[in-house]
Protein backbone atom coordinates (compact mmCIF):
# COMPACT_ATOMS: atom_id res chain seq x y z
CA MET A 1 126.15 110.05 47.27
CA LYS A 2 123.34 107.58 46.64
CA ILE A 3 119.66 108.36 47.03
CA GLY A 4 119.38 106.96 50.57
CA GLU A 5 122.23 109.09 51.84
CA LEU A 6 120.83 112.19 50.14
CA ALA A 7 117.42 111.55 51.68
CA LYS A 8 118.91 111.01 55.13
CA ARG A 9 121.14 114.09 55.01
CA ALA A 10 118.28 116.27 53.72
CA GLY A 11 115.76 114.88 56.22
CA VAL A 12 113.30 113.63 53.59
CA SER A 13 112.23 110.24 52.30
CA VAL A 14 113.65 108.46 49.27
CA GLN A 15 110.16 108.78 47.76
CA ALA A 16 110.38 112.58 48.18
CA ILE A 17 113.67 112.63 46.26
CA ARG A 18 112.12 110.62 43.44
CA PHE A 19 109.08 112.93 43.47
CA TYR A 20 111.32 116.00 43.22
CA GLU A 21 113.06 114.39 40.24
CA ARG A 22 109.76 113.65 38.49
CA ARG A 23 108.60 117.22 39.09
CA ARG A 24 111.98 118.47 37.81
CA LEU A 25 112.76 120.28 41.05
CA ILE A 26 116.20 118.68 41.14
CA ARG A 27 118.47 117.80 38.27
CA THR A 28 118.41 114.32 36.82
CA PRO A 29 121.27 112.57 38.59
CA ARG A 30 124.00 110.73 36.79
CA ARG A 31 123.91 106.97 37.17
CA THR A 32 126.51 104.36 37.85
CA PRO A 33 126.96 101.48 35.38
CA ALA A 34 124.77 99.46 37.76
CA GLY A 35 122.01 102.10 37.50
CA TYR A 36 122.35 103.71 40.92
CA ARG A 37 121.58 107.41 41.08
CA ILE A 38 124.53 109.53 42.19
CA TYR A 39 123.87 112.94 43.75
CA SER A 40 126.10 115.91 44.48
CA GLU A 41 126.34 118.40 47.31
CA GLN A 42 124.42 120.83 45.07
CA ASP A 43 121.56 118.31 44.94
CA LEU A 44 121.60 118.24 48.74
CA GLU A 45 121.45 122.04 48.75
CA SER A 46 118.49 121.93 46.34
CA VAL A 47 116.55 119.41 48.42
CA THR A 48 117.24 121.36 51.61
CA LEU A 49 116.02 124.55 49.92
CA ILE A 50 112.89 122.78 48.61
CA LYS A 51 112.07 121.53 52.09
CA LYS A 52 112.56 125.00 53.61
CA MET A 53 110.45 126.67 50.93
CA GLN A 54 107.67 124.12 51.42
CA ARG A 55 107.71 124.97 55.12
CA PHE A 56 107.31 128.64 54.13
CA GLY A 57 104.24 127.69 52.10
CA PHE A 58 105.67 127.96 48.60
CA LYS A 59 103.91 125.85 45.96
CA LEU A 60 106.00 123.51 43.83
CA VAL A 61 105.70 125.79 40.80
CA GLU A 62 107.02 128.70 42.88
CA ILE A 63 109.88 126.57 44.20
CA ARG A 64 110.79 125.57 40.67
CA ARG A 65 110.90 129.24 39.62
CA VAL A 66 113.31 130.07 42.45
CA LEU A 67 115.52 127.08 41.65
CA GLN A 68 115.59 128.11 37.99
CA LEU A 69 117.29 131.35 38.98
CA TRP A 70 120.65 129.64 39.51
CA ILE A 71 120.35 125.84 39.79
CA LEU A 72 117.92 124.35 37.29
CA SER A 73 117.80 124.82 33.56
CA SER A 74 114.84 126.77 32.22
CA ASP A 75 111.74 125.01 30.91
CA SER A 76 113.14 125.46 27.41
CA GLY A 77 116.38 123.75 28.45
CA GLY A 78 118.55 126.87 28.69
CA ALA A 79 121.10 127.43 31.40
CA PRO A 80 120.08 129.22 34.60
CA PRO A 81 120.17 132.99 34.06
CA TYR A 82 122.24 133.89 37.13
CA GLN A 83 125.26 132.84 39.10
CA ARG A 84 124.48 131.76 42.63
CA GLY A 85 124.74 134.71 45.00
CA SER A 86 124.92 137.34 42.27
CA HIS A 87 123.06 140.59 42.90
CA GLU A 88 120.68 139.88 40.03
CA CYS A 89 119.90 136.43 41.39
CA LEU A 90 119.38 137.76 44.90
CA ARG A 91 117.12 140.57 43.63
CA GLU A 92 114.92 138.06 41.78
CA ALA A 93 114.80 135.72 44.79
CA LEU A 94 113.92 138.69 46.99
CA LYS A 95 111.04 139.68 44.69
CA LEU A 96 109.63 136.16 44.78
CA GLY A 97 110.02 135.97 48.56
CA GLU A 98 108.37 139.35 49.12
CA LYS A 99 105.46 138.35 46.90
CA LYS A 100 105.00 135.18 48.97
CA LEU A 101 105.21 137.17 52.20
CA GLN A 102 102.52 139.58 50.96
CA THR A 103 100.28 136.65 50.07
CA MET A 104 100.84 135.14 53.51
CA ASN A 105 100.02 138.46 55.20
CA ASP A 106 96.81 138.75 53.17
CA GLU A 107 95.84 135.20 54.16
CA ILE A 108 96.57 135.94 57.82
CA ARG A 109 94.42 139.08 57.75
CA SER A 110 91.60 137.10 56.15
CA ALA A 111 91.94 134.29 58.69
CA ILE A 112 91.87 136.80 61.57
CA GLN A 113 88.70 138.38 60.17
CA ILE A 114 87.02 134.97 59.85
CA ARG A 115 88.19 134.03 63.36
CA ASP A 116 86.75 137.26 64.77
CA GLU A 117 83.42 136.58 63.04
CA LEU A 118 83.36 133.06 64.47
CA MET A 119 84.19 134.37 67.94
CA GLU A 120 81.27 136.83 67.68
CA ALA A 121 78.88 134.08 66.55
CA LEU A 122 80.00 131.86 69.44
CA SER A 123 79.60 134.76 71.85
CA GLN A 124 76.02 135.24 70.68
CA ILE A 125 75.31 131.54 71.15
CA ARG A 126 76.79 131.65 74.67
CA ALA A 127 74.66 134.70 75.48
CA SER A 128 71.57 132.83 74.28
CA LEU A 129 72.44 129.85 76.45
CA ASN A 130 72.98 132.08 79.49
CA ALA A 131 69.77 134.08 78.98
CA PRO A 132 67.00 133.25 81.44
CA THR A 133 64.66 130.70 79.95
CA ARG A 134 60.91 131.06 80.22
CA HIS A 135 59.19 127.88 81.34
CA LYS A 136 55.84 127.05 79.82
CA THR A 137 52.89 127.33 82.14
CA PRO A 138 49.69 125.26 81.86
CA SER A 139 48.04 128.21 80.12
CA ASP A 140 50.84 128.22 77.47
CA HIS A 141 50.03 124.58 76.70
CA ALA A 142 46.34 125.41 76.25
CA GLU A 143 47.20 128.28 73.84
CA SER A 144 49.37 126.07 71.65
CA SER A 145 46.66 123.40 71.33
């Protein structure tokens, strides 16, 4: 399939596909004699996985590490270490996913703490606004002069 079809089927833009190629998140596609990029179903799977992982909050470097488990060659050019779906591959993917989940849980706890502090500060401001105000009397004006 050509780049436009891949983008449409994966629900991303053509620019996103090119970006993923530049960042080496998907394999360099073969080209036709006319120079058109030709993608496979595995490329569609990769782009779909990238999109899902981005939605989960994974950074591009983390996504690349997951894809290197069974799809992409290593940074040194070696073959992926695992077969797709193998127990070893799944264990490694699980470790990476659990690490991300722990990070997300830590961020959520931190955000809740900050939210609670903000709610308390706003409550104090509301209490100040609702407190009876003391109006200055003519004698107060004379004291401040």
